Protein backbone atom coordinates (compact mmCIF):
# COMPACT_ATOMS: atom_id res chain seq x y z
CA UNK A 1 124.91 82.23 91.49
CA UNK A 2 127.31 80.64 88.73
CA UNK A 3 130.69 80.21 89.72
CA UNK A 4 133.38 79.43 87.10
CA UNK A 5 137.28 79.03 87.77
CA UNK A 6 138.99 80.47 84.87
CA UNK A 7 142.21 78.99 82.98
CA UNK A 8 145.15 80.56 81.84
CA UNK A 9 144.30 84.13 83.46
CA UNK A 10 145.34 85.94 86.48
CA UNK A 11 141.81 85.94 87.89
CA UNK A 12 140.98 82.60 89.97
CA UNK A 13 137.03 82.79 90.01
CA UNK A 14 134.31 84.48 88.22
CA UNK A 15 130.94 84.69 89.90
CA UNK A 16 127.54 85.94 87.96
CA UNK A 17 123.89 85.44 87.99
CA UNK A 18 121.70 85.19 84.74
CA UNK A 19 118.32 86.42 85.17
CA UNK A 20 115.66 86.52 82.43
CA UNK A 21 118.57 85.98 79.97
CA UNK A 22 120.40 88.88 81.39
CA UNK A 23 123.95 88.90 83.12
CA UNK A 24 124.14 90.54 86.45
CA UNK A 25 126.36 90.46 89.77
CA UNK A 26 129.55 89.86 87.79
CA UNK A 27 132.77 89.56 89.88
CA UNK A 28 136.00 88.15 89.40
CA UNK A 29 138.39 87.22 92.02
CA UNK A 30 142.32 88.52 91.86
CA UNK A 31 143.33 89.98 88.29
CA UNK A 32 143.54 93.33 87.24
CA UNK A 33 140.87 94.87 89.57
CA UNK A 34 140.06 98.26 87.82
CA UNK A 35 139.58 96.72 84.27
CA UNK A 36 137.73 93.76 85.61
CA UNK A 37 135.47 96.23 87.76
CA UNK A 38 134.93 98.25 84.63
CA UNK A 39 134.06 94.96 82.63
CA UNK A 40 131.67 93.95 85.16
CA UNK A 41 129.72 97.42 85.39
CA UNK A 42 129.63 97.70 81.51
CA UNK A 43 128.40 94.36 81.07
CA UNK A 44 125.46 94.71 83.88
CA UNK A 45 122.07 93.81 82.61
CA UNK A 46 123.27 92.61 79.20
CA UNK A 47 122.01 90.08 77.37
CA UNK A 48 124.04 86.92 78.29
CA UNK A 49 124.29 85.76 74.59
CA UNK A 50 124.88 89.06 73.19
CA UNK A 51 127.89 89.48 75.98
CA UNK A 52 129.38 86.00 75.03
CA UNK A 53 129.52 86.57 71.67
CA UNK A 54 131.11 89.91 72.15
CA UNK A 55 133.97 88.79 74.42
CA UNK A 56 134.66 85.48 73.27
CA UNK A 57 138.15 85.25 71.77
CA UNK A 58 139.47 88.23 73.30
CA UNK A 59 143.11 87.70 74.00
CA UNK A 60 145.45 89.08 76.76
CA UNK A 61 148.90 89.82 75.58
CA UNK A 62 150.40 86.19 74.21
CA UNK A 63 147.93 84.12 76.07
CA UNK A 64 145.54 82.27 74.33
CA UNK A 65 142.91 83.63 76.40
CA UNK A 66 141.86 86.55 78.86
CA UNK A 67 139.51 87.34 81.59
CA UNK A 68 136.68 88.84 79.11
CA UNK A 69 137.23 85.56 77.14
CA UNK A 70 136.81 83.24 80.41
CA UNK A 71 133.88 85.18 81.07
CA UNK A 72 132.27 84.20 77.86
CA UNK A 73 133.13 80.67 78.14
CA UNK A 74 131.40 80.73 81.79
CA UNK A 75 128.44 82.34 80.52
CA UNK A 76 127.94 79.56 77.63
CA UNK A 77 128.35 76.96 80.43
CA UNK A 78 125.95 78.76 82.50
CA UNK A 79 123.40 78.76 79.71
CA UNK A 80 123.88 75.52 78.69
CA UNK A 81 123.34 74.05 82.39
CA UNK A 82 120.33 76.32 82.76
CA UNK A 83 117.03 74.20 81.92
CA UNK A 84 114.68 75.85 79.48
């Protein structure tokens, strides 16, 4: 289980696993519960690199980031830390 502390968002923690290059068990702590549950369901089983690319750069209002953007950053870090 990979755990990430997002920066600049209402959510305070993102957890997920990556198995065979696919993202699973995405969970956000705090934040916009309905939206984040929806994102988690839609992203379940997606290719990790593709998902990170799709979500990267998404903004929330005037913030320079968002929960989806922070998930993309977390996925990229998890992939970088995973031995090949």
